[in-house]
Amino acid sequence: MEPQHQHQHQHHHCPNPEISPPPSTTTTSVTCCAKCGGPTVFAAPPEISPPPNYRPIRAPAINLPPNNHSQAIILAPVPQSQKVPTISPPFHFEIPSKRIHSPDDIRHFIDFDSGKNFLGFVVALSESIRGHKISDAFLQSHTINTIISIIAELIQWVDEIPPAQQSARYGNVAYRTWHSRLVESSESLMLRFLPNELQSSTAEIVAYFTDSFGNSSRIDYGTGHETNFAAWLYCLARMGVVKEEDYQAVVSRVFVKYLELMRKLQLVYCLEPAGSHGVWGLDDYHFLPFIFGSSQLIDHKYMKPKSIHNQDILDNFSNEFMYLSCIAFVKKVKKGLFAEHSPLLDDISGVPNWNKVNSGLLKMYKAEVLEKVPIMQHFLFGWLIKWD
């Protein structure tokens, strides 16, 4: 019988580790067998070269900013909050018009007082909701309550105007009926809360309001329309109709109600995403609720950015925190792996704390919304938001 070998793999073991192998003309170093750990006279394998840099399989979206642009956003200073200067008589309200046509016009807007103060207002709204849940109790002014009731009425109109039967996936034509009712009623809606001396401001602020809910020709909605809603609120702050002590209510009551309306319009009338970055955007339609929502969660004891992957947390807390509400909505309307359909949100979940998320989103909002000509070319300027 042939003796059984203990090693089924083939290599030259030294007969006894205590005894040196026989001398030879070439020097061979004794190394260990990778399988059994015993000594072997085979030469050590060559060092393996490091793996190549990882490249994602998915192709980048057309609008994906280049790396140097992303680096510029990271290195940019965090926008700071500013007090909104209120107007005083005599008033010179005017029909607002478009002024932005080129990158130079964008620079003019961002570098001058109007652009800086508008962004400072958005930051102030974000700071007002820091550490607060949506349900937290606080005083609500008559103006805030009236604005909430107006948005609730707009929500009711959606129920009264059902979507038309059509084969097209996006852009239900019934939205145009809803929007035309909005345009017809907008001035009377503003007069519900404007004091007598400011009622002439409807000539200026109605345009921001009617452009806050999407475009009736294209039947689409995006961050530019959302920015118009913020501009409308800014105009109310400029007139002193909305005061600094109202800011928390503006976010947790008015903006939350606005978001409820927009989600309903998007789902019922299948609004086309306007200027979407595809998978490389936060979501197809919104930006500001991610800013406000991340501010809510700053210094939260238990919920971290990575908590968005916990379905129990989304189910139980999305009604209290806007960021979680946005994530839950994205998961509802998009199928497949979260990291594939929302890679940017997935990347943000790896950031260590909400403070960094919030400051990063503010910088990104400035760079990816307020500094983009395709979005801001539709922005309006009048006497409340001045061009010069």
Protein backbone atom coordinates (compact mmCIF):
# COMPACT_ATOMS: atom_id res chain seq x y z
CA MET A 1 0.00 0.00 0.00
CA GLU A 2 1.13 3.46 -0.79
CA PRO A 3 1.59 5.69 2.27
CA GLN A 4 -1.10 8.35 2.69
CA HIS A 5 0.20 11.89 2.34
CA GLN A 6 -0.93 14.42 4.89
CA HIS A 7 -0.79 17.21 2.27
CA GLN A 8 -3.02 16.84 -0.77
CA HIS A 9 -1.44 19.94 -2.38
CA GLN A 10 1.99 19.65 -3.97
CA HIS A 11 5.02 21.55 -2.79
CA HIS A 12 8.46 20.79 -1.36
CA HIS A 13 8.47 20.74 2.43
CA CYS A 14 11.75 20.67 4.28
CA PRO A 15 11.96 17.17 5.81
CA ASN A 16 12.59 18.63 9.25
CA PRO A 17 12.38 22.29 10.17
CA GLU A 18 15.29 21.75 12.57
CA ILE A 19 17.54 20.44 9.74
CA SER A 20 18.72 22.77 7.02
CA PRO A 21 18.11 21.74 3.42
CA PRO A 22 21.09 20.35 1.53
CA PRO A 23 23.50 22.95 0.22
CA SER A 24 23.07 24.02 -3.36
CA THR A 25 24.66 26.43 -5.72
CA THR A 26 21.69 28.81 -5.51
CA THR A 27 20.46 30.33 -2.28
CA THR A 28 16.77 29.67 -1.57
CA SER A 29 15.02 31.31 1.36
CA VAL A 30 12.68 29.19 3.47
CA THR A 31 9.11 30.52 3.47
CA CYS A 32 5.80 29.24 4.83
CA CYS A 33 3.20 27.29 2.88
CA ALA A 34 0.08 29.40 2.39
CA LYS A 35 -2.20 26.39 3.03
CA CYS A 36 -0.71 24.49 5.93
CA GLY A 37 1.80 26.93 7.41
CA GLY A 38 4.67 24.48 7.08
CA PRO A 39 8.09 25.52 5.79
CA THR A 40 8.62 25.32 2.03
CA VAL A 41 11.50 26.08 -0.31
CA PHE A 42 9.29 27.75 -2.92
CA ALA A 43 10.01 31.41 -3.37
CA ALA A 44 7.54 33.89 -1.87
CA PRO A 45 4.90 35.06 -4.34
CA PRO A 46 5.48 38.47 -5.87
CA GLU A 47 3.70 41.45 -4.25
CA ILE A 48 0.23 42.02 -5.69
CA SER A 49 -0.26 45.45 -7.21
CA PRO A 50 -2.99 47.59 -5.60
CA PRO A 51 -6.43 47.47 -7.21
CA PRO A 52 -7.23 50.19 -9.76
CA ASN A 53 -9.28 53.20 -8.69
CA TYR A 54 -12.95 52.28 -8.42
CA ARG A 55 -15.14 53.50 -11.24
CA PRO A 56 -18.92 53.20 -10.88
CA ILE A 57 -20.64 51.04 -13.46
CA ARG A 58 -23.53 53.48 -13.91
CA ALA A 59 -22.91 56.30 -16.33
CA PRO A 60 -22.98 59.79 -14.82
CA ALA A 61 -25.99 61.99 -15.52
CA ILE A 62 -25.54 64.66 -18.18
CA ASN A 63 -25.83 67.41 -15.58
CA LEU A 64 -23.35 65.88 -13.14
CA PRO A 65 -21.01 68.68 -12.06
CA PRO A 66 -17.30 68.08 -12.71
CA ASN A 67 -15.01 67.23 -9.82
CA ASN A 68 -13.46 70.68 -9.63
CA HIS A 69 -16.96 72.16 -9.23
CA SER A 70 -17.77 69.72 -6.42
CA GLN A 71 -14.49 70.63 -4.74
CA ALA A 72 -15.36 74.32 -5.03
CA ILE A 73 -18.68 73.68 -3.25
CA ILE A 74 -16.88 71.83 -0.43
CA LEU A 75 -14.35 74.64 0.05
CA ALA A 76 -16.91 77.45 -0.16
CA PRO A 77 -17.86 79.26 3.07
CA VAL A 78 -21.10 78.25 4.75
CA PRO A 79 -23.86 80.84 4.03
CA GLN A 80 -24.84 82.86 7.11
CA SER A 81 -28.26 84.06 8.22
CA GLN A 82 -29.21 87.71 7.72
CA LYS A 83 -31.96 89.95 9.02
CA VAL A 84 -34.45 90.97 6.34
CA PRO A 85 -34.60 94.79 5.95
CA THR A 86 -38.25 95.88 6.04
CA ILE A 87 -39.61 98.51 3.66
CA SER A 88 -41.14 101.83 4.67
CA PRO A 89 -43.39 104.31 2.83
CA PRO A 90 -43.55 105.56 0.20
CA PHE A 91 -44.06 102.20 -1.52
CA HIS A 92 -43.15 101.69 -5.18
CA PHE A 93 -44.43 98.21 -5.96
CA GLU A 94 -43.97 97.16 -9.57
CA ILE A 95 -44.68 94.21 -11.84
CA PRO A 96 -41.54 92.06 -11.52
CA SER A 97 -39.54 90.94 -14.56
CA LYS A 98 -36.79 88.48 -15.51
CA ARG A 99 -33.22 89.82 -15.48
CA ILE A 100 -30.91 86.78 -15.45
CA HIS A 101 -29.67 85.61 -18.85
CA SER A 102 -25.98 84.71 -18.35
CA PRO A 103 -23.41 83.61 -15.73
CA ASP A 104 -22.42 87.27 -15.35
CA ASP A 105 -26.00 88.08 -14.35
CA ILE A 106 -25.85 85.26 -11.79
CA ARG A 107 -22.69 86.77 -10.30
CA HIS A 108 -24.40 90.16 -10.14
CA PHE A 109 -27.32 88.64 -8.22
CA ILE A 110 -25.20 86.57 -5.83
CA ASP A 111 -22.64 89.31 -5.07
CA PHE A 112 -25.09 92.12 -4.43
CA ASP A 113 -27.39 92.78 -1.48
CA SER A 114 -30.56 91.20 -2.90
CA GLY A 115 -28.99 87.79 -3.51
CA LYS A 116 -27.03 87.74 -0.25
CA ASN A 117 -30.06 88.77 1.79
CA PHE A 118 -32.39 86.28 0.11
CA LEU A 119 -29.96 83.42 0.83
CA GLY A 120 -29.51 84.81 4.38
CA PHE A 121 -33.31 84.59 4.79
CA VAL A 122 -33.28 80.91 3.78
CA VAL A 123 -30.50 80.29 6.34
CA ALA A 124 -32.50 82.14 9.01
CA LEU A 125 -35.52 79.92 8.30
CA SER A 126 -33.26 76.87 8.63
CA GLU A 127 -31.88 78.08 11.96
CA SER A 128 -35.37 78.83 13.32
CA ILE A 129 -36.38 75.16 13.15
CA ARG A 130 -33.11 73.79 14.54
CA GLY A 131 -33.79 71.08 17.13
CA HIS A 132 -37.58 71.41 16.79
CA LYS A 133 -40.13 68.81 15.78
CA ILE A 134 -42.95 69.76 13.42
CA SER A 135 -45.52 69.24 16.18
CA ASP A 136 -43.77 71.50 18.73
CA ALA A 137 -46.21 74.09 20.09
CA PHE A 138 -45.68 77.83 19.60
CA LEU A 139 -47.73 80.93 18.94
CA GLN A 140 -49.06 81.35 15.41
CA SER A 141 -50.00 84.76 14.11
CA HIS A 142 -53.25 85.47 12.28
CA THR A 143 -51.24 85.94 9.07
CA ILE A 144 -49.65 82.49 9.39
CA ASN A 145 -53.01 80.86 10.04
CA THR A 146 -54.51 82.60 7.01
CA ILE A 147 -51.67 81.46 4.73
CA ILE A 148 -52.08 77.88 5.98
CA SER A 149 -55.82 78.03 5.24
CA ILE A 150 -55.07 79.32 1.71
CA ILE A 151 -52.75 76.38 0.98
CA ALA A 152 -55.34 73.99 2.45
CA GLU A 153 -57.84 75.44 -0.01
CA LEU A 154 -55.42 74.82 -2.89
CA ILE A 155 -55.16 71.20 -1.73
CA GLN A 156 -58.95 70.92 -1.80
CA TRP A 157 -58.99 72.14 -5.42
CA VAL A 158 -56.97 69.06 -6.41
CA ASP A 159 -59.80 66.87 -5.13
CA GLU A 160 -62.31 68.99 -7.07
CA ILE A 161 -60.31 68.73 -10.34
CA PRO A 162 -59.62 65.02 -10.99
CA PRO A 163 -56.87 63.99 -13.43
CA ALA A 164 -57.89 63.54 -17.05
CA GLN A 165 -57.83 60.11 -18.68
CA GLN A 166 -54.75 60.08 -20.94
CA SER A 167 -52.02 57.73 -22.12
CA ALA A 168 -49.03 60.02 -21.40
CA ARG A 169 -47.11 59.09 -18.27
CA TYR A 170 -46.17 62.64 -17.27
CA GLY A 171 -48.06 65.91 -17.45
CA ASN A 172 -51.77 65.39 -16.85
CA VAL A 173 -53.61 68.22 -18.63
CA ALA A 174 -56.08 68.63 -15.73
CA TYR A 175 -53.23 70.42 -13.92
CA ARG A 176 -53.75 73.37 -16.28
CA THR A 177 -57.32 73.72 -15.01
CA TRP A 178 -56.03 73.73 -11.43
CA HIS A 179 -53.34 76.28 -12.28
CA SER A 180 -55.68 78.62 -14.15
CA ARG A 181 -57.97 78.67 -11.10
CA LEU A 182 -54.89 79.57 -9.02
CA VAL A 183 -54.02 82.49 -11.33
CA GLU A 184 -57.60 83.77 -11.33
CA SER A 185 -57.89 83.64 -7.52
CA SER A 186 -54.36 84.61 -6.44
CA GLU A 187 -54.96 88.33 -5.93
CA SER A 188 -58.06 87.78 -3.79
CA LEU A 189 -56.13 85.14 -1.81
CA MET A 190 -53.37 87.67 -1.03
CA LEU A 191 -55.91 90.29 0.09
CA ARG A 192 -57.08 87.93 2.85
CA PHE A 193 -54.02 88.72 4.97
CA LEU A 194 -52.47 91.92 3.55
CA PRO A 195 -53.14 95.10 5.57
CA ASN A 196 -54.85 97.96 3.71
CA GLU A 197 -51.68 99.99 3.20
CA LEU A 198 -49.94 97.03 1.52
CA GLN A 199 -52.73 95.78 -0.72
CA SER A 200 -51.15 97.43 -3.77
CA SER A 201 -48.24 94.97 -3.34
CA THR A 202 -50.31 92.29 -5.10
CA ALA A 203 -49.01 93.74 -8.39
CA GLU A 204 -45.58 92.46 -7.36
CA ILE A 205 -46.02 89.43 -5.08
CA VAL A 206 -48.74 87.59 -7.02
CA ALA A 207 -46.21 86.66 -9.74
CA TYR A 208 -43.98 84.88 -7.19
CA PHE A 209 -46.97 83.07 -5.70
CA THR A 210 -48.46 81.80 -8.97
CA ASP A 211 -45.04 80.55 -10.12
CA SER A 212 -44.48 78.60 -6.88
CA PHE A 213 -46.51 75.55 -7.87
CA GLY A 214 -45.15 74.57 -11.27
CA ASN A 215 -45.45 75.64 -14.90
CA SER A 216 -48.83 75.17 -16.60
CA SER A 217 -47.42 75.04 -20.15
CA ARG A 218 -44.80 72.36 -19.50
CA ILE A 219 -46.75 70.80 -16.60
CA ASP A 220 -43.54 70.50 -14.61
CA TYR A 221 -42.14 71.48 -11.23
CA GLY A 222 -38.63 71.84 -9.82
CA THR A 223 -36.33 73.71 -7.47
CA GLY A 224 -36.86 76.97 -9.36
CA HIS A 225 -40.57 76.92 -8.49
CA GLU A 226 -39.72 76.00 -4.91
CA THR A 227 -37.33 78.98 -4.82
CA ASN A 228 -40.19 81.22 -6.00
CA PHE A 229 -42.21 80.14 -2.96
CA ALA A 230 -39.26 81.07 -0.74
CA ALA A 231 -39.06 84.41 -2.63
CA TRP A 232 -42.78 85.01 -1.99
CA LEU A 233 -42.21 84.43 1.75
CA TYR A 234 -39.18 86.73 1.57
CA CYS A 235 -41.35 89.47 0.04
CA LEU A 236 -43.81 89.08 2.93
CA ALA A 237 -40.88 89.41 5.35
CA ARG A 238 -39.66 92.54 3.50
CA MET A 239 -43.12 94.09 4.00
CA GLY A 240 -43.17 93.12 7.69
CA VAL A 241 -46.23 90.90 7.13
CA VAL A 242 -44.13 87.92 8.23
CA LYS A 243 -41.94 88.77 11.22
CA GLU A 244 -38.81 87.11 12.56
CA GLU A 245 -40.78 85.54 15.42
CA ASP A 246 -42.94 83.84 12.77
CA TYR A 247 -40.03 82.02 11.12
CA GLN A 248 -40.48 78.75 13.02
CA ALA A 249 -44.16 78.69 12.06
CA VAL A 250 -43.24 79.58 8.46
CA VAL A 251 -41.16 76.39 8.26
CA SER A 252 -43.07 73.92 10.42
CA ARG A 253 -46.57 75.04 9.43
CA VAL A 254 -46.56 76.97 6.14
CA PHE A 255 -43.72 75.17 4.34
CA VAL A 256 -44.85 71.75 5.57
CA LYS A 257 -48.35 72.51 4.23
CA TYR A 258 -46.82 73.70 0.95
CA LEU A 259 -44.88 70.42 0.72
CA GLU A 260 -48.09 68.48 1.30
CA LEU A 261 -49.73 70.36 -1.58
CA MET A 262 -46.77 69.84 -3.92
CA ARG A 263 -46.59 66.11 -3.21
CA LYS A 264 -50.29 65.84 -4.03
CA LEU A 265 -49.88 67.82 -7.27
CA GLN A 266 -46.87 65.69 -8.26
CA LEU A 267 -48.71 62.42 -7.68
CA VAL A 268 -52.17 63.32 -8.96
CA TYR A 269 -51.15 65.29 -12.05
CA CYS A 270 -47.81 63.50 -12.65
CA LEU A 271 -45.81 66.73 -12.89
CA GLU A 272 -42.63 66.38 -14.94
CA PRO A 273 -39.45 67.04 -12.90
CA ALA A 274 -38.13 70.40 -14.15
CA GLY A 275 -34.38 70.36 -14.84
CA SER A 276 -33.88 67.20 -12.80
CA HIS A 277 -30.32 65.95 -12.21
CA GLY A 278 -31.66 62.40 -12.38
CA VAL A 279 -30.03 60.08 -9.86
CA TRP A 280 -27.47 62.78 -9.06
CA GLY A 281 -30.05 65.14 -7.52
CA LEU A 282 -31.40 65.04 -3.97
CA ASP A 283 -34.79 64.12 -5.35
CA ASP A 284 -36.63 64.96 -8.56
CA TYR A 285 -38.41 68.06 -7.26
CA HIS A 286 -37.25 69.56 -3.95
CA PHE A 287 -34.23 70.95 -2.13
CA LEU A 288 -35.35 73.20 0.75
CA PRO A 289 -37.06 70.51 2.89
CA PHE A 290 -33.72 68.68 3.05
CA ILE A 291 -32.09 71.88 4.39
CA PHE A 292 -34.85 72.54 6.93
CA GLY A 293 -35.14 68.86 7.83
CA SER A 294 -31.41 68.44 8.48
CA SER A 295 -31.53 71.50 10.74
CA GLN A 296 -34.34 69.91 12.77
CA LEU A 297 -32.12 66.91 13.49
CA ILE A 298 -28.96 68.77 14.56
CA ASP A 299 -27.78 67.41 17.94
CA HIS A 300 -30.54 64.78 18.04
CA LYS A 301 -29.61 62.18 20.65
CA TYR A 302 -30.42 59.08 18.64
CA MET A 303 -31.01 59.83 14.99
CA LYS A 304 -27.92 60.18 12.83
CA PRO A 305 -27.63 60.67 9.06
CA LYS A 306 -27.27 56.90 8.65
CA SER A 307 -30.66 56.43 10.38
CA ILE A 308 -32.41 57.03 7.04
CA HIS A 309 -31.71 53.35 6.26
CA ASN A 310 -33.80 52.22 9.25
CA GLN A 311 -37.36 51.68 8.02
CA ASP A 312 -38.78 51.72 11.56
CA ILE A 313 -37.38 55.22 12.10
CA LEU A 314 -38.87 56.41 8.79
CA ASP A 315 -42.26 54.88 9.64
CA ASN A 316 -42.43 56.39 13.13
CA PHE A 317 -40.76 59.79 12.75
CA SER A 318 -41.28 61.04 9.18
CA ASN A 319 -44.33 63.00 10.34
CA GLU A 320 -42.10 64.96 12.76
CA PHE A 321 -38.93 65.50 10.71
CA MET A 322 -38.95 66.83 7.16
CA TYR A 323 -35.71 65.12 6.13
CA LEU A 324 -37.11 61.71 7.06
CA SER A 325 -40.37 62.60 5.31
CA CYS A 326 -38.44 63.35 2.11
CA ILE A 327 -36.54 60.06 2.31
CA ALA A 328 -39.76 58.13 2.91
CA PHE A 329 -41.36 59.81 -0.12
CA VAL A 330 -38.36 59.02 -2.34
CA LYS A 331 -38.51 55.37 -1.28
CA LYS A 332 -42.24 55.32 -1.97
CA VAL A 333 -42.05 56.64 -5.55
CA LYS A 334 -38.75 55.04 -6.63
CA LYS A 335 -38.16 51.31 -6.86
CA GLY A 336 -34.94 49.37 -6.51
CA LEU A 337 -31.87 49.79 -4.33
CA PHE A 338 -31.70 53.18 -2.58
CA ALA A 339 -27.98 53.53 -3.35
CA GLU A 340 -28.73 53.14 -7.06
CA HIS A 341 -31.71 55.46 -7.52
CA SER A 342 -30.54 58.06 -4.93
CA PRO A 343 -26.72 57.85 -4.72
CA LEU A 344 -26.31 61.43 -3.48
CA LEU A 345 -28.70 60.91 -0.57
CA ASP A 346 -26.99 57.60 0.12
CA ASP A 347 -23.59 59.34 0.22
CA ILE A 348 -24.94 62.03 2.57
CA SER A 349 -26.07 59.28 4.98
CA GLY A 350 -22.37 58.58 5.57
CA VAL A 351 -21.70 62.10 6.90
CA PRO A 352 -20.97 61.89 10.65
CA ASN A 353 -23.47 64.47 11.94
CA TRP A 354 -26.45 66.62 10.93
CA ASN A 355 -24.57 69.88 11.40
CA LYS A 356 -22.23 68.94 8.56
CA VAL A 357 -25.18 67.78 6.45
CA ASN A 358 -26.99 71.08 6.96
CA SER A 359 -24.00 73.31 6.19
CA GLY A 360 -23.14 71.20 3.13
CA LEU A 361 -26.71 71.42 1.79
CA LEU A 362 -26.75 75.21 2.25
CA LYS A 363 -23.55 75.51 0.20
CA MET A 364 -24.98 73.14 -2.38
CA TYR A 365 -28.26 75.12 -2.62
CA LYS A 366 -26.32 78.28 -3.36
CA ALA A 367 -24.14 76.57 -5.99
CA GLU A 368 -26.65 74.20 -7.60
CA VAL A 369 -29.80 76.33 -7.51
CA LEU A 370 -29.11 80.05 -6.98
CA GLU A 371 -26.03 80.03 -9.23
CA LYS A 372 -27.52 78.05 -12.11
CA VAL A 373 -28.71 80.05 -15.14
CA PRO A 374 -31.25 77.41 -16.36
CA ILE A 375 -33.02 77.69 -12.99
CA MET A 376 -32.59 81.37 -12.15
CA GLN A 377 -33.37 82.69 -15.64
CA HIS A 378 -37.03 82.49 -14.60
CA PHE A 379 -36.50 84.37 -11.32
CA LEU A 380 -38.25 87.73 -11.01
CA PHE A 381 -37.03 91.12 -9.80
CA GLY A 382 -39.10 94.12 -8.78
CA TRP A 383 -39.06 96.66 -5.97
CA LEU A 384 -39.00 94.15 -3.09
CA ILE A 385 -36.25 91.99 -4.62
CA LYS A 386 -34.17 94.54 -6.48
CA TRP A 387 -31.91 93.87 -9.42
CA ASP A 388 -29.70 96.96 -9.00
